[in-house]
Protein backbone atom coordinates (compact mmCIF):
# COMPACT_ATOMS: atom_id res chain seq x y z
CA UNK A 1 6.23 -15.61 0.62
CA UNK A 2 7.17 -19.24 0.35
CA UNK A 3 3.17 -20.59 -0.28
CA UNK A 4 1.99 -20.56 -3.55
CA UNK A 5 -0.60 -23.25 -4.80
CA UNK A 6 -0.11 -23.76 -8.45
CA UNK A 7 -1.77 -23.28 -10.60
CA UNK A 8 -1.54 -19.73 -9.47
CA UNK A 9 -3.45 -16.42 -10.69
CA UNK A 10 -2.26 -13.49 -8.84
CA UNK A 11 -3.64 -9.87 -8.84
CA UNK A 12 -4.99 -7.90 -6.62
CA UNK A 13 -5.52 -4.81 -6.89
CA UNK A 14 -8.30 -4.98 -8.98
CA UNK A 15 -10.88 -2.43 -11.18
CA UNK A 16 -13.56 -3.45 -13.43
CA UNK A 17 -17.20 -3.12 -14.35
CA UNK A 18 -19.51 -5.02 -12.66
CA UNK A 19 -21.23 -8.04 -15.41
CA UNK A 20 -24.03 -9.70 -12.99
CA UNK A 21 -25.08 -8.93 -9.56
CA UNK A 22 -26.26 -11.92 -7.34
CA UNK A 23 -30.20 -11.79 -6.52
CA UNK A 24 -29.55 -10.44 -2.80
CA UNK A 25 -26.97 -7.78 -3.50
CA UNK A 26 -27.85 -3.91 -2.52
CA UNK A 27 -25.27 -2.06 -2.95
CA UNK A 28 -24.30 -2.49 -6.74
CA UNK A 29 -25.71 -2.54 -10.04
CA UNK A 30 -24.43 -3.54 -13.22
CA UNK A 31 -22.00 -1.11 -14.65
CA UNK A 32 -21.23 0.19 -11.85
CA UNK A 33 -16.92 0.77 -11.22
CA UNK A 34 -15.73 -1.32 -8.69
CA UNK A 35 -12.83 -2.47 -6.70
CA UNK A 36 -11.20 -5.30 -5.07
CA UNK A 37 -8.76 -5.16 -2.85
CA UNK A 38 -5.91 -7.74 -1.30
CA UNK A 39 -8.74 -10.01 0.43
CA UNK A 40 -12.54 -11.22 -0.33
CA UNK A 41 -13.43 -12.95 2.38
CA UNK A 42 -13.50 -13.26 6.48
CA UNK A 43 -15.58 -14.96 9.04
CA UNK A 44 -17.53 -11.59 8.93
CA UNK A 45 -18.50 -12.10 13.29
CA UNK A 46 -15.49 -10.95 15.52
CA UNK A 47 -15.11 -7.91 17.10
CA UNK A 48 -12.77 -6.58 13.82
CA UNK A 49 -15.04 -7.95 10.96
CA UNK A 50 -17.71 -5.86 13.19
CA UNK A 51 -15.57 -2.59 12.96
CA UNK A 52 -14.93 -2.60 9.42
CA UNK A 53 -11.37 -4.21 10.29
CA UNK A 54 -11.74 -7.57 8.07
CA UNK A 55 -8.30 -7.60 7.19
CA UNK A 56 -7.20 -8.70 10.50
CA UNK A 57 -9.90 -11.17 10.65
CA UNK A 58 -9.75 -13.71 13.89
CA UNK A 59 -10.38 -16.75 11.60
CA UNK A 60 -7.92 -14.83 9.05
CA UNK A 61 -9.20 -13.32 6.17
CA UNK A 62 -9.14 -15.23 2.48
CA UNK A 63 -6.72 -13.31 0.12
CA UNK A 64 -8.09 -12.45 -2.76
CA UNK A 65 -5.32 -15.00 -4.91
CA UNK A 66 -3.91 -18.28 -3.20
CA UNK A 67 -6.08 -17.79 -0.52
CA UNK A 68 -8.46 -20.76 1.03
CA UNK A 69 -11.97 -20.20 0.80
CA UNK A 70 -14.29 -21.50 3.87
CA UNK A 71 -15.49 -24.05 0.42
CA UNK A 72 -11.77 -25.45 0.39
CA UNK A 73 -11.40 -23.76 -3.44
CA UNK A 74 -8.32 -21.88 -3.62
CA UNK A 75 -8.51 -18.00 -4.85
CA UNK A 76 -7.98 -16.56 -7.69
CA UNK A 77 -7.03 -12.92 -9.05
CA UNK A 78 -7.31 -10.47 -11.03
CA UNK A 79 -5.08 -11.27 -14.32
CA UNK A 80 -8.66 -13.13 -14.94
CA UNK A 81 -11.31 -12.00 -17.11
CA UNK A 82 -13.66 -11.87 -14.13
CA UNK A 83 -14.08 -12.35 -10.75
CA UNK A 84 -16.65 -12.83 -8.56
CA UNK A 85 -16.88 -10.74 -5.45
CA UNK A 86 -19.22 -10.98 -2.16
CA UNK A 87 -20.07 -7.43 -1.84
CA UNK A 88 -18.48 -6.11 1.50
CA UNK A 89 -15.04 -6.33 -0.02
CA UNK A 90 -15.79 -4.84 -2.79
CA UNK A 91 -15.59 -1.15 -3.21
CA UNK A 92 -17.74 2.08 -5.27
CA UNK A 93 -14.90 3.55 -6.97
CA UNK A 94 -15.39 7.25 -7.64
CA UNK A 95 -16.83 7.98 -11.02
CA UNK A 96 -14.25 10.94 -12.03
CA UNK A 97 -11.10 8.78 -11.31
CA UNK A 98 -9.58 7.33 -13.78
CA UNK A 99 -9.18 2.94 -13.73
CA UNK A 100 -6.25 2.13 -14.09
CA UNK A 101 -4.98 5.32 -11.47
CA UNK A 102 -7.30 3.66 -9.02
CA UNK A 103 -5.86 -0.21 -9.21
CA UNK A 104 -3.18 0.67 -7.05
CA UNK A 105 -4.38 2.37 -4.73
CA UNK A 106 -6.25 -1.00 -3.36
CA UNK A 107 -3.11 -2.40 -2.27
CA UNK A 108 -0.45 -0.17 -2.26
CA UNK A 109 -2.88 3.12 -1.76
CA UNK A 110 -4.46 1.18 1.62
CA UNK A 111 -0.99 0.03 3.22
CA UNK A 112 0.33 3.42 3.01
CA UNK A 113 -2.98 5.25 4.46
CA UNK A 114 -3.63 2.98 7.17
CA UNK A 115 -0.51 3.38 9.38
CA UNK A 116 -1.11 7.36 8.94
CA UNK A 117 -4.13 7.80 10.10
CA UNK A 118 -3.91 5.20 12.67
CA UNK A 119 -0.62 7.17 13.99
CA UNK A 120 -2.37 10.58 13.49
CA UNK A 121 -0.45 11.32 10.46
CA UNK A 122 -3.01 13.60 9.36
CA UNK A 123 -1.65 16.38 10.52
CA UNK A 124 -0.55 19.61 8.87
CA UNK A 125 3.49 20.37 10.07
CA UNK A 126 4.69 16.91 11.28
CA UNK A 127 7.26 15.30 10.51
CA UNK A 128 7.17 12.05 8.04
CA UNK A 129 10.07 10.50 6.46
CA UNK A 130 9.47 7.81 4.01
CA UNK A 131 12.25 5.09 3.45
CA UNK A 132 11.86 3.37 -0.66
CA UNK A 133 10.60 5.44 -3.15
CA UNK A 134 8.39 2.39 -5.16
CA UNK A 135 4.89 1.57 -5.53
CA UNK A 136 4.46 2.26 -1.86
CA UNK A 137 7.00 4.73 -0.87
CA UNK A 138 5.92 7.63 -3.78
CA UNK A 139 2.19 7.29 -2.34
CA UNK A 140 3.35 7.44 0.61
CA UNK A 141 4.85 11.13 -0.23
CA UNK A 142 1.65 12.28 -2.00
CA UNK A 143 -0.44 11.32 1.03
CA UNK A 144 2.17 13.31 2.81
CA UNK A 145 1.83 16.58 0.86
CA UNK A 146 -2.03 16.25 0.83
CA UNK A 147 -2.11 15.78 5.00
CA UNK A 148 0.28 19.28 4.71
CA UNK A 149 3.27 17.02 6.77
CA UNK A 150 6.86 18.13 5.93
CA UNK A 151 8.22 15.16 3.46
CA UNK A 152 11.47 13.07 3.58
CA UNK A 153 12.64 10.40 1.71
CA UNK A 154 14.78 8.48 2.03
CA UNK A 155 16.75 6.13 -0.43
CA UNK A 156 19.96 4.27 -1.61
CA UNK A 157 19.86 5.76 -4.74
CA UNK A 158 20.95 9.26 -5.76
CA UNK A 159 19.45 8.99 -9.55
CA UNK A 160 15.76 9.27 -7.06
CA UNK A 161 16.65 13.04 -5.62
CA UNK A 162 15.53 14.49 -9.07
CA UNK A 163 11.97 12.43 -8.81
CA UNK A 164 11.67 12.59 -5.16
CA UNK A 165 11.90 16.36 -4.62
CA UNK A 166 10.46 17.88 -8.28
CA UNK A 167 8.73 15.00 -9.70
CA UNK A 168 6.57 13.79 -6.07
CA UNK A 169 7.11 17.44 -4.34
CA UNK A 170 9.26 15.97 -1.11
CA UNK A 171 10.36 18.72 0.45
CA UNK A 172 13.84 16.94 1.41
CA UNK A 173 16.03 13.89 -0.68
CA UNK A 174 18.73 12.01 1.96
CA UNK A 175 21.22 9.39 0.82
CA UNK A 176 20.72 6.44 3.45
CA UNK A 177 23.98 4.91 3.01
CA UNK A 178 25.47 8.95 3.68
CA UNK A 179 26.26 8.56 7.82
CA UNK A 180 26.79 12.76 7.83
CA UNK A 181 23.41 13.24 6.19
CA UNK A 182 21.62 10.88 8.49
CA UNK A 183 23.20 11.73 11.75
CA UNK A 184 22.55 15.02 10.99
CA UNK A 185 18.68 14.42 11.23
CA UNK A 186 18.93 12.90 14.69
CA UNK A 187 15.39 13.08 16.76
CA UNK A 188 13.98 14.97 13.74
CA UNK A 189 11.08 12.73 12.84
CA UNK A 190 7.49 12.36 14.59
CA UNK A 191 6.56 9.58 12.60
CA UNK A 192 9.06 7.31 9.95
CA UNK A 193 7.39 4.69 7.00
CA UNK A 194 9.34 1.31 5.36
CA UNK A 195 8.33 1.10 2.33
CA UNK A 196 11.30 -1.16 1.56
CA UNK A 197 11.87 -4.55 1.97
CA UNK A 198 15.68 -4.22 2.21
CA UNK A 199 17.27 -4.94 5.97
CA UNK A 200 17.92 -1.50 7.72
CA UNK A 201 19.78 0.20 10.73
CA UNK A 202 17.11 -0.09 13.02
CA UNK A 203 18.76 1.87 15.58
CA UNK A 204 19.80 4.54 12.99
CA UNK A 205 16.67 4.91 12.04
CA UNK A 206 15.19 4.87 15.34
CA UNK A 207 17.54 7.93 16.41
CA UNK A 208 16.43 10.04 13.98
CA UNK A 209 13.04 10.24 15.48
CA UNK A 210 11.28 12.34 18.36
CA UNK A 211 11.02 11.24 21.70
CA UNK A 212 7.48 9.14 21.47
CA UNK A 213 8.41 8.91 18.03
CA UNK A 214 7.09 5.32 15.67
CA UNK A 215 8.82 3.92 12.90
CA UNK A 216 6.09 1.19 11.04
CA UNK A 217 7.65 -1.45 8.47
CA UNK A 218 4.69 -2.04 5.87
CA UNK A 219 7.88 -4.06 4.12
CA UNK A 220 9.27 -7.24 4.82
CA UNK A 221 12.86 -7.10 5.29
CA UNK A 222 14.68 -10.87 6.24
CA UNK A 223 15.14 -9.17 9.96
CA UNK A 224 14.22 -7.24 12.56
CA UNK A 225 16.94 -6.31 14.97
CA UNK A 226 17.55 -3.23 17.06
CA UNK A 227 18.75 -2.59 20.73
CA UNK A 228 16.33 -1.81 23.20
CA UNK A 229 17.17 1.26 23.97
CA UNK A 230 17.19 2.57 21.27
CA UNK A 231 13.16 2.40 21.81
CA UNK A 232 13.21 2.56 25.94
CA UNK A 233 15.25 5.85 25.15
CA UNK A 234 12.87 8.63 23.91
CA UNK A 235 9.69 6.34 24.40
CA UNK A 236 10.29 5.35 20.44
CA UNK A 237 7.72 2.84 19.00
CA UNK A 238 8.51 0.04 15.69
CA UNK A 239 4.77 -0.87 14.50
CA UNK A 240 4.04 -3.40 11.63
CA UNK A 241 0.69 -2.51 9.13
CA UNK A 242 -0.72 -4.91 6.64
CA UNK A 243 -3.68 -3.23 4.31
CA UNK A 244 -6.85 -1.87 5.90
CA UNK A 245 -10.27 -2.98 6.67
CA UNK A 246 -13.08 -2.29 3.98
CA UNK A 247 -14.78 0.79 5.82
CA UNK A 248 -11.07 2.47 5.53
CA UNK A 249 -10.27 1.57 2.19
CA UNK A 250 -13.64 3.19 0.80
CA UNK A 251 -12.47 6.42 2.74
CA UNK A 252 -9.35 6.27 1.56
CA UNK A 253 -10.25 5.88 -2.69
CA UNK A 254 -13.00 8.79 -1.61
CA UNK A 255 -10.20 11.33 -0.22
CA UNK A 256 -7.94 10.28 -3.48
CA UNK A 257 -10.56 11.54 -5.68
CA UNK A 258 -11.61 14.45 -3.78
CA UNK A 259 -7.67 15.88 -3.42
CA UNK A 260 -6.72 14.44 -6.99
CA UNK A 261 -4.18 11.78 -5.63
CA UNK A 262 -2.84 9.44 -8.58
CA UNK A 263 -0.01 7.55 -8.25
CA UNK A 264 2.49 7.02 -11.48
CA UNK A 265 2.28 4.12 -13.67
CA UNK A 266 2.57 2.27 -16.62
CA UNK A 267 0.08 0.46 -18.18
CA UNK A 268 0.86 -2.76 -19.95
CA UNK A 269 -0.59 -5.78 -21.85
CA UNK A 270 -1.12 -9.05 -20.05
CA UNK A 271 0.71 -10.06 -22.18
CA UNK A 272 3.95 -7.90 -20.87
CA UNK A 273 3.61 -9.48 -16.84
CA UNK A 274 6.72 -11.26 -17.09
CA UNK A 275 8.86 -8.88 -19.03
CA UNK A 276 7.42 -6.30 -16.15
CA UNK A 277 8.20 -8.28 -13.24
CA UNK A 278 11.74 -8.75 -14.71
CA UNK A 279 12.35 -4.94 -15.31
CA UNK A 280 10.61 -4.82 -11.48
CA UNK A 281 12.99 -7.11 -10.64
CA UNK A 282 15.89 -3.91 -11.77
CA UNK A 283 14.03 -1.59 -10.54
CA UNK A 284 13.02 -0.37 -13.63
CA UNK A 285 9.37 1.02 -13.09
CA UNK A 286 7.78 4.31 -12.23
CA UNK A 287 6.36 3.32 -9.91
CA UNK A 288 3.37 0.83 -10.78
CA UNK A 289 3.04 -1.93 -13.96
CA UNK A 290 -0.90 -1.61 -14.21
CA UNK A 291 -2.39 -4.52 -16.64
CA UNK A 292 -4.85 -3.34 -19.15
CA UNK A 293 -6.76 -6.93 -19.10
CA UNK A 294 -9.94 -5.84 -21.12
CA UNK A 295 -7.68 -5.11 -24.19
CA UNK A 296 -5.31 -7.49 -23.74
CA UNK A 297 -7.93 -10.26 -24.20
CA UNK A 298 -9.84 -8.78 -27.00
């Protein structure tokens, strides 16, 4: 994003055990299994904070790392031996849920869950398209199947067909560079979620939506360009989304536990972090690296 403030300690999908609590803490106790997501503070006074949508705080939520907190300090994230966070921005992790699998839910999971709930894509039988099959995309497929939707994966990589259909249980796989396959799906989808950050043909994807269908972007393409007619004809919409508020994040965690939704991950030590970043750039990850901080520091 170009705004890094060094020295920088990243990490905003954090799961750990409470070691100490302040005298006024009521929600957690020592020994609890908790998570921390993408932000660690907000104004706590605006309408969005009041509604449990702190991520949209009027004064701006304070990011878990590389954010400027109210005292002017720069926040440091989860690539660390400990972190101190106000209880409001911590989440109770379901006891039965493995911690290494829970971590990716706190950004990747909630980022795809939030727009699906907002646009009523938890209703069985609806048609759902997922662009990209990475950390976010594979969780979108899992949520889609849990909601009993008809799930189609769009990817430029033919090699991901087997993963999408067999490993993740998608109903259909489409090579997005195949013009014939794409045109055959015109007016087919209630909702399409773009989890990739590459540039796509927005006019083409909008043509795949049914009347009043919605295309939501959760990635960061370099530009968004489309013909107004692609929206007007069919009353279609393009929307954006980030992570989610505290209330919905806890709801998502509980939903994943009760429905046995687990991210596909590779656990690594902190010493492997740079190699993991190189592999991520080469798209050599299925589908999230999770750093085992505790065992890395022994």
